[in-house]
PDB file of N, CA and C in Angstrom:
ATOM      1  N   UNK A   1     -43.910-102.455 181.745  1.00  0.00           N
ATOM      2  CA  UNK A   1     -43.213-101.789 182.853  1.00  0.00           C
ATOM      3  C   UNK A   1     -41.720-102.100 182.723  1.00  0.00           C
ATOM      4  N   UNK A   2     -40.916-101.118 183.043  1.00  0.00           N
ATOM      5  CA  UNK A   2     -39.491-101.255 182.924  1.00  0.00           C
ATOM      6  C   UNK A   2     -38.935-102.092 184.031  1.00  0.00           C
ATOM      7  N   UNK A   3     -37.939-102.985 183.767  1.00  0.00           N
ATOM      8  CA  UNK A   3     -37.379-103.838 184.763  1.00  0.00           C
ATOM      9  C   UNK A   3     -36.608-103.115 185.881  1.00  0.00           C
ATOM     10  N   UNK A   4     -36.253-101.840 185.633  1.00  0.00           N
ATOM     11  CA  UNK A   4     -35.481-101.154 186.633  1.00  0.00           C
ATOM     12  C   UNK A   4     -36.320-100.615 187.779  1.00  0.00           C
ATOM     13  N   UNK A   5     -37.573-100.981 187.868  1.00  0.00           N
ATOM     14  CA  UNK A   5     -38.514-100.467 188.854  1.00  0.00           C
ATOM     15  C   UNK A   5     -38.069-100.687 190.299  1.00  0.00           C
ATOM     16  N   UNK A   6     -37.357-101.788 190.583  1.00  0.00           N
ATOM     17  CA  UNK A   6     -36.932-101.992 191.962  1.00  0.00           C
ATOM     18  C   UNK A   6     -35.950-100.909 192.421  1.00  0.00           C
ATOM     19  N   UNK A   7     -35.206-100.310 191.537  1.00  0.00           N
ATOM     20  CA  UNK A   7     -34.332 -99.243 191.914  1.00  0.00           C
ATOM     21  C   UNK A   7     -35.093 -98.079 192.499  1.00  0.00           C
ATOM     22  N   UNK A   8     -36.304 -97.881 192.025  1.00  0.00           N
ATOM     23  CA  UNK A   8     -37.179 -96.787 192.507  1.00  0.00           C
ATOM     24  C   UNK A   8     -37.780 -97.056 193.855  1.00  0.00           C
ATOM     25  N   UNK A   9     -37.549 -98.222 194.445  1.00  0.00           N
ATOM     26  CA  UNK A   9     -38.163 -98.572 195.719  1.00  0.00           C
ATOM     27  C   UNK A   9     -37.322 -98.059 196.877  1.00  0.00           C
ATOM     28  N   UNK A  10     -36.129 -97.554 196.565  1.00  0.00           N
ATOM     29  CA  UNK A  10     -35.277 -96.971 197.629  1.00  0.00           C
ATOM     30  C   UNK A  10     -35.079 -97.928 198.800  1.00  0.00           C
ATOM     31  N   UNK A  11     -35.422 -97.472 199.960  1.00  0.00           N
ATOM     32  CA  UNK A  11     -35.194 -98.297 201.160  1.00  0.00           C
ATOM     33  C   UNK A  11     -36.047 -99.557 201.215  1.00  0.00           C
ATOM     34  N   UNK A  12     -37.008 -99.627 200.328  1.00  0.00           N
ATOM     35  CA  UNK A  12     -37.917-100.787 200.230  1.00  0.00           C
ATOM     36  C   UNK A  12     -37.388-101.901 199.368  1.00  0.00           C
ATOM     37  N   UNK A  13     -36.270-101.705 198.694  1.00  0.00           N
ATOM     38  CA  UNK A  13     -35.787-102.696 197.720  1.00  0.00           C
ATOM     39  C   UNK A  13     -35.366-103.979 198.366  1.00  0.00           C
ATOM     40  N   UNK A  14     -34.919-103.977 199.620  1.00  0.00           N
ATOM     41  CA  UNK A  14     -34.603-105.223 200.351  1.00  0.00           C
ATOM     42  C   UNK A  14     -35.779-106.183 200.462  1.00  0.00           C
ATOM     43  N   UNK A  15     -36.851-105.687 201.106  1.00  0.00           N
ATOM     44  CA  UNK A  15     -38.014-106.541 201.184  1.00  0.00           C
ATOM     45  C   UNK A  15     -38.606-106.919 199.851  1.00  0.00           C
ATOM     46  N   UNK A  16     -38.586-106.022 198.904  1.00  0.00           N
ATOM     47  CA  UNK A  16     -39.121-106.298 197.569  1.00  0.00           C
ATOM     48  C   UNK A  16     -38.327-107.410 196.921  1.00  0.00           C
ATOM     49  N   UNK A  17     -36.958-107.337 197.019  1.00  0.00           N
ATOM     50  CA  UNK A  17     -36.157-108.355 196.427  1.00  0.00           C
ATOM     51  C   UNK A  17     -36.432-109.741 197.094  1.00  0.00           C
ATOM     52  N   UNK A  18     -36.554-109.780 198.400  1.00  0.00           N
ATOM     53  CA  UNK A  18     -36.844-110.997 199.089  1.00  0.00           C
ATOM     54  C   UNK A  18     -38.182-111.611 198.694  1.00  0.00           C
ATOM     55  N   UNK A  19     -39.188-110.747 198.577  1.00  0.00           N
ATOM     56  CA  UNK A  19     -40.556-111.212 198.237  1.00  0.00           C
ATOM     57  C   UNK A  19     -40.556-111.724 196.769  1.00  0.00           C
ATOM     58  N   UNK A  20     -39.939-110.976 195.880  1.00  0.00           N
ATOM     59  CA  UNK A  20     -39.917-111.403 194.473  1.00  0.00           C
ATOM     60  C   UNK A  20     -39.130-112.732 194.336  1.00  0.00           C
ATOM     61  N   UNK A  21     -38.064-112.804 195.052  1.00  0.00           N
ATOM     62  CA  UNK A  21     -37.264-114.069 195.046  1.00  0.00           C
ATOM     63  C   UNK A  21     -38.053-115.223 195.518  1.00  0.00           C
ATOM     64  N   UNK A  22     -38.857-115.052 196.573  1.00  0.00           N
ATOM     65  CA  UNK A  22     -39.709-116.134 197.039  1.00  0.00           C
ATOM     66  C   UNK A  22     -40.784-116.484 196.036  1.00  0.00           C
ATOM     67  N   UNK A  23     -41.422-115.477 195.496  1.00  0.00           N
ATOM     68  CA  UNK A  23     -42.527-115.705 194.505  1.00  0.00           C
ATOM     69  C   UNK A  23     -41.956-116.311 193.182  1.00  0.00           C
ATOM     70  N   UNK A  24     -40.649-116.093 192.914  1.00  0.00           N
ATOM     71  CA  UNK A  24     -40.097-116.746 191.683  1.00  0.00           C
ATOM     72  C   UNK A  24     -40.200-118.243 191.712  1.00  0.00           C
ATOM     73  N   UNK A  25     -40.353-118.813 192.968  1.00  0.00           N
ATOM     74  CA  UNK A  25     -40.479-120.278 193.084  1.00  0.00           C
ATOM     75  C   UNK A  25     -41.929-120.721 193.027  1.00  0.00           C
ATOM     76  N   UNK A  26     -42.842-119.747 193.001  1.00  0.00           N
ATOM     77  CA  UNK A  26     -44.254-120.120 192.917  1.00  0.00           C
ATOM     78  C   UNK A  26     -45.146-119.235 193.806  1.00  0.00           C
ATOM     79  N   UNK A  27     -46.435-119.409 193.634  1.00  0.00           N
ATOM     80  CA  UNK A  27     -47.482-118.572 194.315  1.00  0.00           C
ATOM     81  C   UNK A  27     -47.467-118.856 195.815  1.00  0.00           C
ATOM     82  N   UNK A  28     -47.588-117.811 196.602  1.00  0.00           N
ATOM     83  CA  UNK A  28     -47.585-117.983 198.049  1.00  0.00           C
ATOM     84  C   UNK A  28     -48.447-116.928 198.680  1.00  0.00           C
ATOM     85  N   UNK A  29     -49.022-117.205 199.850  1.00  0.00           N
ATOM     86  CA  UNK A  29     -49.725-116.193 200.651  1.00  0.00           C
ATOM     87  C   UNK A  29     -48.733-115.622 201.667  1.00  0.00           C
ATOM     88  N   UNK A  30     -49.132-114.628 202.431  1.00  0.00           N
ATOM     89  CA  UNK A  30     -48.295-113.888 203.340  1.00  0.00           C
ATOM     90  C   UNK A  30     -47.493-114.723 204.269  1.00  0.00           C
ATOM     91  N   UNK A  31     -48.146-115.643 205.007  1.00  0.00           N
ATOM     92  CA  UNK A  31     -47.464-116.468 205.972  1.00  0.00           C
ATOM     93  C   UNK A  31     -46.408-117.347 205.309  1.00  0.00           C
ATOM     94  N   UNK A  32     -46.751-117.976 204.156  1.00  0.00           N
ATOM     95  CA  UNK A  32     -45.865-118.793 203.384  1.00  0.00           C
ATOM     96  C   UNK A  32     -44.677-117.983 202.911  1.00  0.00           C
ATOM     97  N   UNK A  33     -44.889-116.738 202.484  1.00  0.00           N
ATOM     98  CA  UNK A  33     -43.791-115.883 202.090  1.00  0.00           C
ATOM     99  C   UNK A  33     -42.861-115.644 203.236  1.00  0.00           C
ATOM    100  N   UNK A  34     -43.431-115.292 204.425  1.00  0.00           N
ATOM    101  CA  UNK A  34     -42.573-115.047 205.564  1.00  0.00           C
ATOM    102  C   UNK A  34     -41.707-116.234 205.935  1.00  0.00           C
ATOM    103  N   UNK A  35     -42.234-117.409 205.958  1.00  0.00           N
ATOM    104  CA  UNK A  35     -41.535-118.624 206.272  1.00  0.00           C
ATOM    105  C   UNK A  35     -40.470-118.958 205.206  1.00  0.00           C
ATOM    106  N   UNK A  36     -40.828-118.793 203.930  1.00  0.00           N
ATOM    107  CA  UNK A  36     -39.865-119.037 202.880  1.00  0.00           C
ATOM    108  C   UNK A  36     -38.683-118.087 202.945  1.00  0.00           C
ATOM    109  N   UNK A  37     -38.958-116.838 203.110  1.00  0.00           N
ATOM    110  CA  UNK A  37     -37.955-115.794 203.203  1.00  0.00           C
ATOM    111  C   UNK A  37     -36.988-116.100 204.353  1.00  0.00           C
ATOM    112  N   UNK A  38     -37.590-116.396 205.489  1.00  0.00           N
ATOM    113  CA  UNK A  38     -36.765-116.755 206.676  1.00  0.00           C
ATOM    114  C   UNK A  38     -35.862-117.927 206.377  1.00  0.00           C
ATOM    115  N   UNK A  39     -36.419-118.931 205.695  1.00  0.00           N
ATOM    116  CA  UNK A  39     -35.619-120.154 205.376  1.00  0.00           C
ATOM    117  C   UNK A  39     -34.510-119.878 204.449  1.00  0.00           C
ATOM    118  N   UNK A  40     -34.677-119.109 203.337  1.00  0.00           N
ATOM    119  CA  UNK A  40     -33.597-118.959 202.410  1.00  0.00           C
ATOM    120  C   UNK A  40     -32.661-117.780 202.690  1.00  0.00           C
ATOM    121  N   UNK A  41     -33.141-116.835 203.554  1.00  0.00           N
ATOM    122  CA  UNK A  41     -32.323-115.667 203.733  1.00  0.00           C
ATOM    123  C   UNK A  41     -31.939-115.408 205.221  1.00  0.00           C
ATOM    124  N   UNK A  42     -32.679-116.012 206.149  1.00  0.00           N
ATOM    125  CA  UNK A  42     -32.453-115.743 207.540  1.00  0.00           C
ATOM    126  C   UNK A  42     -33.036-114.408 207.968  1.00  0.00           C
ATOM    127  N   UNK A  43     -33.863-113.773 207.111  1.00  0.00           N
ATOM    128  CA  UNK A  43     -34.464-112.482 207.429  1.00  0.00           C
ATOM    129  C   UNK A  43     -35.920-112.629 207.770  1.00  0.00           C
ATOM    130  N   UNK A  44     -36.310-112.033 208.877  1.00  0.00           N
ATOM    131  CA  UNK A  44     -37.712-112.072 209.264  1.00  0.00           C
ATOM    132  C   UNK A  44     -38.354-110.762 208.915  1.00  0.00           C
ATOM    133  N   UNK A  45     -39.383-110.782 208.032  1.00  0.00           N
ATOM    134  CA  UNK A  45     -40.120-109.578 207.689  1.00  0.00           C
ATOM    135  C   UNK A  45     -41.313-109.441 208.642  1.00  0.00           C
ATOM    136  N   UNK A  46     -41.445-108.312 209.352  1.00  0.00           N
ATOM    137  CA  UNK A  46     -42.612-108.095 210.183  1.00  0.00           C
ATOM    138  C   UNK A  46     -43.855-108.010 209.244  1.00  0.00           C
ATOM    139  N   UNK A  47     -44.983-108.278 209.876  1.00  0.00           N
ATOM    140  CA  UNK A  47     -46.203-108.106 209.054  1.00  0.00           C
ATOM    141  C   UNK A  47     -46.421-106.781 208.378  1.00  0.00           C
ATOM    142  N   UNK A  48     -46.029-105.708 209.064  1.00  0.00           N
ATOM    143  CA  UNK A  48     -46.127-104.395 208.496  1.00  0.00           C
ATOM    144  C   UNK A  48     -45.257-104.181 207.293  1.00  0.00           C
ATOM    145  N   UNK A  49     -44.012-104.675 207.425  1.00  0.00           N
ATOM    146  CA  UNK A  49     -43.053-104.603 206.325  1.00  0.00           C
ATOM    147  C   UNK A  49     -43.545-105.421 205.142  1.00  0.00           C
ATOM    148  N   UNK A  50     -43.962-106.644 205.455  1.00  0.00           N
ATOM    149  CA  UNK A  50     -44.361-107.592 204.429  1.00  0.00           C
ATOM    150  C   UNK A  50     -45.557-107.035 203.624  1.00  0.00           C
ATOM    151  N   UNK A  51     -46.610-106.679 204.338  1.00  0.00           N
ATOM    152  CA  UNK A  51     -47.819-106.252 203.662  1.00  0.00           C
ATOM    153  C   UNK A  51     -47.711-104.890 202.969  1.00  0.00           C
ATOM    154  N   UNK A  52     -46.836-104.040 203.565  1.00  0.00           N
ATOM    155  CA  UNK A  52     -46.591-102.770 202.892  1.00  0.00           C
ATOM    156  C   UNK A  52     -45.854-103.022 201.580  1.00  0.00           C
ATOM    157  N   UNK A  53     -44.866-103.905 201.621  1.00  0.00           N
ATOM    158  CA  UNK A  53     -44.154-104.226 200.398  1.00  0.00           C
ATOM    159  C   UNK A  53     -45.038-104.946 199.349  1.00  0.00           C
ATOM    160  N   UNK A  54     -45.913-105.807 199.792  1.00  0.00           N
ATOM    161  CA  UNK A  54     -46.863-106.486 198.865  1.00  0.00           C
ATOM    162  C   UNK A  54     -47.715-105.407 198.178  1.00  0.00           C
ATOM    163  N   UNK A  55     -48.231-104.458 198.957  1.00  0.00           N
ATOM    164  CA  UNK A  55     -49.104-103.427 198.358  1.00  0.00           C
ATOM    165  C   UNK A  55     -48.330-102.605 197.307  1.00  0.00           C
ATOM    166  N   UNK A  56     -47.113-102.228 197.629  1.00  0.00           N
ATOM    167  CA  UNK A  56     -46.315-101.509 196.673  1.00  0.00           C
ATOM    168  C   UNK A  56     -45.990-102.306 195.398  1.00  0.00           C
ATOM    169  N   UNK A  57     -45.690-103.582 195.576  1.00  0.00           N
ATOM    170  CA  UNK A  57     -45.379-104.448 194.475  1.00  0.00           C
ATOM    171  C   UNK A  57     -46.570-104.664 193.561  1.00  0.00           C
ATOM    172  N   UNK A  58     -47.768-104.779 194.128  1.00  0.00           N
ATOM    173  CA  UNK A  58     -49.033-104.907 193.357  1.00  0.00           C
ATOM    174  C   UNK A  58     -49.238-103.628 192.588  1.00  0.00           C
ATOM    175  N   UNK A  59     -49.100-102.495 193.308  1.00  0.00           N
ATOM    176  CA  UNK A  59     -49.367-101.208 192.667  1.00  0.00           C
ATOM    177  C   UNK A  59     -48.410-100.954 191.468  1.00  0.00           C
ATOM    178  N   UNK A  60     -47.189-101.513 191.561  1.00  0.00           N
ATOM    179  CA  UNK A  60     -46.238-101.395 190.468  1.00  0.00           C
ATOM    180  C   UNK A  60     -46.360-102.428 189.437  1.00  0.00           C
ATOM    181  N   UNK A  61     -47.255-103.394 189.574  1.00  0.00           N
ATOM    182  CA  UNK A  61     -47.461-104.442 188.596  1.00  0.00           C
ATOM    183  C   UNK A  61     -46.377-105.495 188.604  1.00  0.00           C
ATOM    184  N   UNK A  62     -45.618-105.562 189.693  1.00  0.00           N
ATOM    185  CA  UNK A  62     -44.584-106.603 189.763  1.00  0.00           C
ATOM    186  C   UNK A  62     -45.087-107.944 190.306  1.00  0.00           C
ATOM    187  N   UNK A  63     -46.119-107.893 191.066  1.00  0.00           N
ATOM    188  CA  UNK A  63     -46.824-109.103 191.543  1.00  0.00           C
ATOM    189  C   UNK A  63     -48.321-108.864 191.370  1.00  0.00           C
ATOM    190  N   UNK A  64     -49.033-109.967 191.478  1.00  0.00           N
ATOM    191  CA  UNK A  64     -50.557-109.823 191.417  1.00  0.00           C
ATOM    192  C   UNK A  64     -51.198-110.861 192.336  1.00  0.00           C
ATOM    193  N   UNK A  65     -52.331-110.418 192.917  1.00  0.00           N
ATOM    194  CA  UNK A  65     -53.023-111.380 193.763  1.00  0.00           C
ATOM    195  C   UNK A  65     -53.644-112.498 192.875  1.00  0.00           C
ATOM    196  N   UNK A  66     -53.797-113.671 193.456  1.00  0.00           N
ATOM    197  CA  UNK A  66     -54.374-114.801 192.775  1.00  0.00           C
ATOM    198  C   UNK A  66     -55.733-115.027 193.387  1.00  0.00           C
ATOM    199  N   UNK A  67     -56.791-115.213 192.587  1.00  0.00           N
ATOM    200  CA  UNK A  67     -58.066-115.503 193.143  1.00  0.00           C
ATOM    201  C   UNK A  67     -58.049-116.758 194.074  1.00  0.00           C
ATOM    202  N   UNK A  68     -58.724-116.679 195.199  1.00  0.00           N
ATOM    203  CA  UNK A  68     -58.765-117.737 196.214  1.00  0.00           C
ATOM    204  C   UNK A  68     -60.081-117.842 196.875  1.00  0.00           C
ATOM    205  N   UNK A  69     -60.459-119.043 197.239  1.00  0.00           N
ATOM    206  CA  UNK A  69     -61.687-119.208 198.008  1.00  0.00           C
ATOM    207  C   UNK A  69     -61.487-118.947 199.477  1.00  0.00           C
ATOM    208  N   UNK A  70     -60.287-118.902 199.911  1.00  0.00           N
ATOM    209  CA  UNK A  70     -59.944-118.680 201.358  1.00  0.00           C
ATOM    210  C   UNK A  70     -59.810-117.179 201.565  1.00  0.00           C
ATOM    211  N   UNK A  71     -60.693-116.573 202.256  1.00  0.00           N
ATOM    212  CA  UNK A  71     -60.661-115.090 202.460  1.00  0.00           C
ATOM    213  C   UNK A  71     -59.545-114.682 203.362  1.00  0.00           C
ATOM    214  N   UNK A  72     -59.061-115.597 204.245  1.00  0.00           N
ATOM    215  CA  UNK A  72     -57.983-115.250 205.167  1.00  0.00           C
ATOM    216  C   UNK A  72     -56.616-115.285 204.531  1.00  0.00           C
ATOM    217  N   UNK A  73     -56.463-115.986 203.477  1.00  0.00           N
ATOM    218  CA  UNK A  73     -55.171-116.161 202.835  1.00  0.00           C
ATOM    219  C   UNK A  73     -55.243-115.646 201.355  1.00  0.00           C
ATOM    220  N   UNK A  74     -54.560-114.578 201.119  1.00  0.00           N
ATOM    221  CA  UNK A  74     -54.539-114.079 199.725  1.00  0.00           C
ATOM    222  C   UNK A  74     -53.198-114.402 199.122  1.00  0.00           C
ATOM    223  N   UNK A  75     -53.206-115.333 198.160  1.00  0.00           N
ATOM    224  CA  UNK A  75     -51.930-115.651 197.494  1.00  0.00           C
ATOM    225  C   UNK A  75     -51.544-114.678 196.434  1.00  0.00           C
ATOM    226  N   UNK A  76     -50.239-114.569 196.176  1.00  0.00           N
ATOM    227  CA  UNK A  76     -49.684-113.664 195.181  1.00  0.00           C
ATOM    228  C   UNK A  76     -48.767-114.485 194.240  1.00  0.00           C
ATOM    229  N   UNK A  77     -48.629-113.919 193.052  1.00  0.00           N
ATOM    230  CA  UNK A  77     -47.665-114.495 192.120  1.00  0.00           C
ATOM    231  C   UNK A  77     -46.893-113.370 191.471  1.00  0.00           C
ATOM    232  N   UNK A  78     -45.713-113.693 191.010  1.00  0.00           N
ATOM    233  CA  UNK A  78     -44.837-112.695 190.316  1.00  0.00           C
ATOM    234  C   UNK A  78     -45.387-112.575 188.893  1.00  0.00           C
ATOM    235  N   UNK A  79     -45.312-111.346 188.368  1.00  0.00           N
ATOM    236  CA  UNK A  79     -45.640-111.114 186.996  1.00  0.00           C
ATOM    237  C   UNK A  79     -44.407-111.145 186.115  1.00  0.00           C
ATOM    238  N   UNK A  80     -44.608-111.082 184.811  1.00  0.00           N
ATOM    239  CA  UNK A  80     -43.456-111.102 183.930  1.00  0.00           C
ATOM    240  C   UNK A  80     -42.583-109.825 184.187  1.00  0.00           C
ATOM    241  N   UNK A  81     -43.282-108.718 184.413  1.00  0.00           N
ATOM    242  CA  UNK A  81     -42.528-107.438 184.729  1.00  0.00           C
ATOM    243  C   UNK A  81     -41.703-107.641 186.056  1.00  0.00           C
ATOM    244  N   UNK A  82     -42.332-108.347 187.013  1.00  0.00           N
ATOM    245  CA  UNK A  82     -41.645-108.601 188.283  1.00  0.00           C
ATOM    246  C   UNK A  82     -40.469-109.488 188.080  1.00  0.00           C
ATOM    247  N   UNK A  83     -40.554-110.447 187.224  1.00  0.00           N
ATOM    248  CA  UNK A  83     -39.432-111.346 186.938  1.00  0.00           C
ATOM    249  C   UNK A  83     -38.271-110.562 186.283  1.00  0.00           C
ATOM    250  N   UNK A  84     -38.612-109.738 185.359  1.00  0.00           N
ATOM    251  CA  UNK A  84     -37.588-108.912 184.713  1.00  0.00           C
ATOM    252  C   UNK A  84     -36.890-107.947 185.690  1.00  0.00           C
ATOM    253  N   UNK A  85     -37.760-107.326 186.565  1.00  0.00           N
ATOM    254  CA  UNK A  85     -37.217-106.419 187.549  1.00  0.00           C
ATOM    255  C   UNK A  85     -36.301-107.141 188.560  1.00  0.00           C
ATOM    256  N   UNK A  86     -36.686-108.343 188.935  1.00  0.00           N
ATOM    257  CA  UNK A  86     -35.894-109.136 189.875  1.00  0.00           C
ATOM    258  C   UNK A  86     -34.558-109.480 189.239  1.00  0.00           C
ATOM    259  N   UNK A  87     -34.609-109.879 187.983  1.00  0.00           N
ATOM    260  CA  UNK A  87     -33.343-110.259 187.254  1.00  0.00           C
ATOM    261  C   UNK A  87     -32.387-109.044 187.235  1.00  0.00           C
ATOM    262  N   UNK A  88     -32.894-107.862 186.929  1.00  0.00           N
ATOM    263  CA  UNK A  88     -32.047-106.600 186.943  1.00  0.00           C
ATOM    264  C   UNK A  88     -31.528-106.323 188.320  1.00  0.00           C
ATOM    265  N   UNK A  89     -32.343-106.413 189.359  1.00  0.00           N
ATOM    266  CA  UNK A  89     -31.963-106.132 190.702  1.00  0.00           C
ATOM    267  C   UNK A  89     -30.824-107.130 191.150  1.00  0.00           C
ATOM    268  N   UNK A  90     -31.060-108.332 190.904  1.00  0.00           N
ATOM    269  CA  UNK A  90     -30.092-109.375 191.391  1.00  0.00           C
ATOM    270  C   UNK A  90     -28.747-109.268 190.617  1.00  0.00           C
ATOM    271  N   UNK A  91     -28.825-108.961 189.367  1.00  0.00           N
ATOM    272  CA  UNK A  91     -27.621-108.782 188.544  1.00  0.00           C
ATOM    273  C   UNK A  91     -26.851-107.568 189.092  1.00  0.00           C
ATOM    274  N   UNK A  92     -27.509-106.513 189.456  1.00  0.00           N
ATOM    275  CA  UNK A  92     -26.833-105.273 189.994  1.00  0.00           C
ATOM    276  C   UNK A  92     -26.251-105.627 191.369  1.00  0.00           C
ATOM    277  N   UNK A  93     -26.980-106.362 192.186  1.00  0.00           N
ATOM    278  CA  UNK A  93     -26.405-106.731 193.476  1.00  0.00           C
ATOM    279  C   UNK A  93     -25.193-107.617 193.316  1.00  0.00           C
ATOM    280  N   UNK A  94     -25.217-108.501 192.389  1.00  0.00           N
ATOM    281  CA  UNK A  94     -24.076-109.408 192.113  1.00  0.00           C
ATOM    282  C   UNK A  94     -22.855-108.508 191.661  1.00  0.00           C
ATOM    283  N   UNK A  95     -23.104-107.549 190.816  1.00  0.00           N
ATOM    284  CA  UNK A  95     -22.004-106.678 190.295  1.00  0.00           C
ATOM    285  C   UNK A  95     -21.385-105.937 191.471  1.00  0.00           C
ATOM    286  N   UNK A  96     -22.196-105.393 192.388  1.00  0.00           N
ATOM    287  CA  UNK A  96     -21.709-104.673 193.530  1.00  0.00           C
ATOM    288  C   UNK A  96     -20.970-105.608 194.491  1.00  0.00           C
ATOM    289  N   UNK A  97     -21.513-106.774 194.749  1.00  0.00           N
ATOM    290  CA  UNK A  97     -20.869-107.731 195.610  1.00  0.00           C
ATOM    291  C   UNK A  97     -19.480-108.118 195.049  1.00  0.00           C
ATOM    292  N   UNK A  98     -19.399-108.316 193.736  1.00  0.00           N
ATOM    293  CA  UNK A  98     -18.136-108.658 193.107  1.00  0.00           C
ATOM    294  C   UNK A  98     -17.091-107.560 193.306  1.00  0.00           C
ATOM    295  N   UNK A  99     -17.480-106.320 193.149  1.00  0.00           N
ATOM    296  CA  UNK A  99     -16.564-105.237 193.363  1.00  0.00           C
ATOM    297  C   UNK A  99     -16.082-105.239 194.808  1.00  0.00           C
ATOM    298  N   UNK A 100     -17.026-105.335 195.772  1.00  0.00           N
ATOM    299  CA  UNK A 100     -16.642-105.347 197.147  1.00  0.00           C
ATOM    300  C   UNK A 100     -15.681-106.492 197.533  1.00  0.00           C
ATOM    301  N   UNK A 101     -15.958-107.706 196.995  1.00  0.00           N
ATOM    302  CA  UNK A 101     -15.059-108.838 197.272  1.00  0.00           C
ATOM    303  C   UNK A 101     -13.686-108.682 196.638  1.00  0.00           C
ATOM    304  N   UNK A 102     -13.617-108.127 195.406  1.00  0.00           N
ATOM    305  CA  UNK A 102     -12.270-107.832 194.830  1.00  0.00           C
ATOM    306  C   UNK A 102     -11.545-106.803 195.643  1.00  0.00           C
ATOM    307  N   UNK A 103     -12.173-105.773 196.104  1.00  0.00           N
ATOM    308  CA  UNK A 103     -11.539-104.759 196.936  1.00  0.00           C
ATOM    309  C   UNK A 103     -11.025-105.371 198.268  1.00  0.00           C
ATOM    310  N   UNK A 104     -11.847-106.206 198.884  1.00  0.00           N
ATOM    311  CA  UNK A 104     -11.412-106.846 200.126  1.00  0.00           C
ATOM    312  C   UNK A 104     -10.194-107.715 199.931  1.00  0.00           C
ATOM    313  N   UNK A 105     -10.119-108.304 198.731  1.00  0.00           N
ATOM    314  CA  UNK A 105      -8.949-109.165 198.373  1.00  0.00           C
ATOM    315  C   UNK A 105      -7.758-108.354 197.913  1.00  0.00           C
ATOM    316  N   UNK A 106      -7.880-107.013 197.917  1.00  0.00           N
ATOM    317  CA  UNK A 106      -6.790-106.149 197.502  1.00  0.00           C
ATOM    318  C   UNK A 106      -6.577-106.057 196.002  1.00  0.00           C
ATOM    319  N   UNK A 107      -7.578-106.509 195.224  1.00  0.00           N
ATOM    320  CA  UNK A 107      -7.475-106.405 193.809  1.00  0.00           C
ATOM    321  C   UNK A 107      -8.057-105.063 193.314  1.00  0.00           C
ATOM    322  N   UNK A 108      -7.545-104.576 192.198  1.00  0.00           N
ATOM    323  CA  UNK A 108      -8.115-103.329 191.677  1.00  0.00           C
ATOM    324  C   UNK A 108      -9.556-103.639 191.149  1.00  0.00           C
ATOM    325  N   UNK A 109     -10.374-102.675 191.304  1.00  0.00           N
ATOM    326  CA  UNK A 109     -11.750-102.806 190.794  1.00  0.00           C
ATOM    327  C   UNK A 109     -11.929-101.974 189.584  1.00  0.00           C
TER     328      UNK A 109
END
C-alpha cells in the first residue's frame, strides 16, 4: 500500500493521524487510544469518530486488530504501511506548519 493513503482520508485525516501516532507507541484498545490521544494532543475523540476511523484504517491496511481473549477490548496495532503513511502525513504537516510560521514572521516562503 502506498504511504500517501492518509491524504485520501480527507476530513478524516485528523483522527487517523492521531490514532496512528498513538499506535506508533504500541498496541492499544479503544479506551486506551482515547486516553493516550487526549494526553498527547488535548483532543477528545468521541466513540463514533474513534471507531469509524479505526474501521477505515483497518479497511485500508494501515492498522490491524490483534487477537485477544477479552471480547470487550479489541486491541489494534499499526502496520508497516500505516507507519509509512504516518511518516508521510507528519512530514507534510511539518512542511505546511513551517511555511505558516515563516509567513507569520514576515519571511518569504
